[in-house]
Amino acid sequence: MTGRGSQDDSAQMRLVGAVIALTMILWLVANWAGRQLGWPSHYAFLADMAAMGALIWSLLVVWRIWRRRTGSPHQQ
């Protein structure tokens, strides 16, 4: 793939990388703050669910880019 599609894929991969990194940092900070401040456990559960949502989104975007680059017959 060359040209505009490759640039779009690169931009999406950079976004995915930023989302994964920011998600992990925020998740670690939320867990640390929860322990330090004595937050109830359901806040930790919410932080876990938000992190899983961001990581699942990242996985789906990477999978879609991979399918597009491998020339899958079922392209979107």
C-alpha atoms as a PDB file:
ATOM      1  CA  MET A   1       0.000   0.000   0.000  1.00  0.00           C
ATOM      2  CA  THR A   2       1.353   3.421  -0.902  1.00  0.00           C
ATOM      3  CA  GLY A   3       0.220   6.984  -0.726  1.00  0.00           C
ATOM      4  CA  ARG A   4      -2.730   8.254   1.255  1.00  0.00           C
ATOM      5  CA  GLY A   5      -3.856   4.875   2.647  1.00  0.00           C
ATOM      6  CA  SER A   6      -0.443   4.199   4.134  1.00  0.00           C
ATOM      7  CA  GLN A   7      -0.374   7.662   5.720  1.00  0.00           C
ATOM      8  CA  ASP A   8      -3.839   7.099   7.189  1.00  0.00           C
ATOM      9  CA  ASP A   9      -2.759   3.737   8.599  1.00  0.00           C
ATOM     10  CA  SER A  10       0.368   5.278  10.103  1.00  0.00           C
ATOM     11  CA  ALA A  11      -1.668   8.028  11.739  1.00  0.00           C
ATOM     12  CA  GLN A  12      -4.109   5.471  13.138  1.00  0.00           C
ATOM     13  CA  MET A  13      -1.258   3.338  14.499  1.00  0.00           C
ATOM     14  CA  ARG A  14       0.243   6.390  16.222  1.00  0.00           C
ATOM     15  CA  LEU A  15      -3.167   7.103  17.750  1.00  0.00           C
ATOM     16  CA  VAL A  16      -3.451   3.497  18.923  1.00  0.00           C
ATOM     17  CA  GLY A  17       0.002   3.675  20.495  1.00  0.00           C
ATOM     18  CA  ALA A  18      -0.891   6.898  22.300  1.00  0.00           C
ATOM     19  CA  VAL A  19      -4.197   5.445  23.534  1.00  0.00           C
ATOM     20  CA  ILE A  20      -2.487   2.311  24.863  1.00  0.00           C
ATOM     21  CA  ALA A  21       0.259   4.288  26.621  1.00  0.00           C
ATOM     22  CA  LEU A  22      -2.145   6.834  28.114  1.00  0.00           C
ATOM     23  CA  THR A  23      -4.551   4.089  29.178  1.00  0.00           C
ATOM     24  CA  MET A  24      -1.839   2.215  31.051  1.00  0.00           C
ATOM     25  CA  ILE A  25      -0.560   5.375  32.749  1.00  0.00           C
ATOM     26  CA  LEU A  26      -4.040   6.483  33.810  1.00  0.00           C
ATOM     27  CA  TRP A  27      -4.945   2.974  34.967  1.00  0.00           C
ATOM     28  CA  LEU A  28      -1.815   2.752  37.126  1.00  0.00           C
ATOM     29  CA  VAL A  29      -2.402   6.232  38.570  1.00  0.00           C
ATOM     30  CA  ALA A  30      -6.056   5.436  39.319  1.00  0.00           C
ATOM     31  CA  ASN A  31      -5.104   2.213  41.113  1.00  0.00           C
ATOM     32  CA  TRP A  32      -2.352   3.940  43.089  1.00  0.00           C
ATOM     33  CA  ALA A  33      -4.631   6.859  44.022  1.00  0.00           C
ATOM     34  CA  GLY A  34      -7.404   4.469  45.016  1.00  0.00           C
ATOM     35  CA  ARG A  35      -5.105   2.675  47.451  1.00  0.00           C
ATOM     36  CA  GLN A  36      -3.630   5.892  48.844  1.00  0.00           C
ATOM     37  CA  LEU A  37      -6.974   7.646  49.295  1.00  0.00           C
ATOM     38  CA  GLY A  38      -8.965   4.602  50.382  1.00  0.00           C
ATOM     39  CA  TRP A  39     -11.487   4.716  47.556  1.00  0.00           C
ATOM     40  CA  PRO A  40     -14.171   2.005  47.528  1.00  0.00           C
ATOM     41  CA  SER A  41     -13.407  -1.033  45.380  1.00  0.00           C
ATOM     42  CA  HIS A  42     -16.125  -0.235  42.840  1.00  0.00           C
ATOM     43  CA  TYR A  43     -14.022   2.736  41.667  1.00  0.00           C
ATOM     44  CA  ALA A  44     -11.175   0.353  40.921  1.00  0.00           C
ATOM     45  CA  PHE A  45     -13.652  -1.787  38.976  1.00  0.00           C
ATOM     46  CA  LEU A  46     -14.701   1.264  36.937  1.00  0.00           C
ATOM     47  CA  ALA A  47     -11.060   2.085  36.178  1.00  0.00           C
ATOM     48  CA  ASP A  48     -10.495  -1.528  35.091  1.00  0.00           C
ATOM     49  CA  MET A  49     -13.545  -1.484  32.814  1.00  0.00           C
ATOM     50  CA  ALA A  50     -12.508   1.823  31.227  1.00  0.00           C
ATOM     51  CA  ALA A  51      -8.991   0.476  30.606  1.00  0.00           C
ATOM     52  CA  MET A  52     -10.361  -2.721  29.073  1.00  0.00           C
ATOM     53  CA  GLY A  53     -12.647  -0.686  26.817  1.00  0.00           C
ATOM     54  CA  ALA A  54      -9.731   1.413  25.546  1.00  0.00           C
ATOM     55  CA  LEU A  55      -7.566  -1.661  24.984  1.00  0.00           C
ATOM     56  CA  ILE A  56     -10.326  -3.526  23.146  1.00  0.00           C
ATOM     57  CA  TRP A  57     -10.849  -0.481  20.923  1.00  0.00           C
ATOM     58  CA  SER A  58      -7.101  -0.421  20.220  1.00  0.00           C
ATOM     59  CA  LEU A  59      -7.101  -4.119  19.369  1.00  0.00           C
ATOM     60  CA  LEU A  60      -9.995  -3.680  16.937  1.00  0.00           C
ATOM     61  CA  VAL A  61      -8.311  -0.750  15.175  1.00  0.00           C
ATOM     62  CA  VAL A  62      -5.021  -2.655  14.837  1.00  0.00           C
ATOM     63  CA  TRP A  63      -6.880  -5.729  13.553  1.00  0.00           C
ATOM     64  CA  ARG A  64      -8.712  -3.619  10.953  1.00  0.00           C
ATOM     65  CA  ILE A  65      -5.446  -2.050   9.758  1.00  0.00           C
ATOM     66  CA  TRP A  66      -3.777  -5.465   9.591  1.00  0.00           C
ATOM     67  CA  ARG A  67      -6.669  -6.858   7.517  1.00  0.00           C
ATOM     68  CA  ARG A  68      -6.507  -3.888   5.164  1.00  0.00           C
ATOM     69  CA  ARG A  69      -2.734  -4.252   4.707  1.00  0.00           C
ATOM     70  CA  THR A  70      -2.779  -8.009   4.106  1.00  0.00           C
ATOM     71  CA  GLY A  71      -5.286  -7.607   1.292  1.00  0.00           C
ATOM     72  CA  SER A  72      -8.028  -9.657   2.897  1.00  0.00           C
ATOM     73  CA  PRO A  73     -10.860 -10.516   0.493  1.00  0.00           C
ATOM     74  CA  HIS A  74     -13.349  -9.188   3.081  1.00  0.00           C
ATOM     75  CA  GLN A  75     -12.028  -5.659   3.230  1.00  0.00           C
ATOM     76  CA  GLN A  76     -14.152  -3.015   4.857  1.00  0.00           C
END
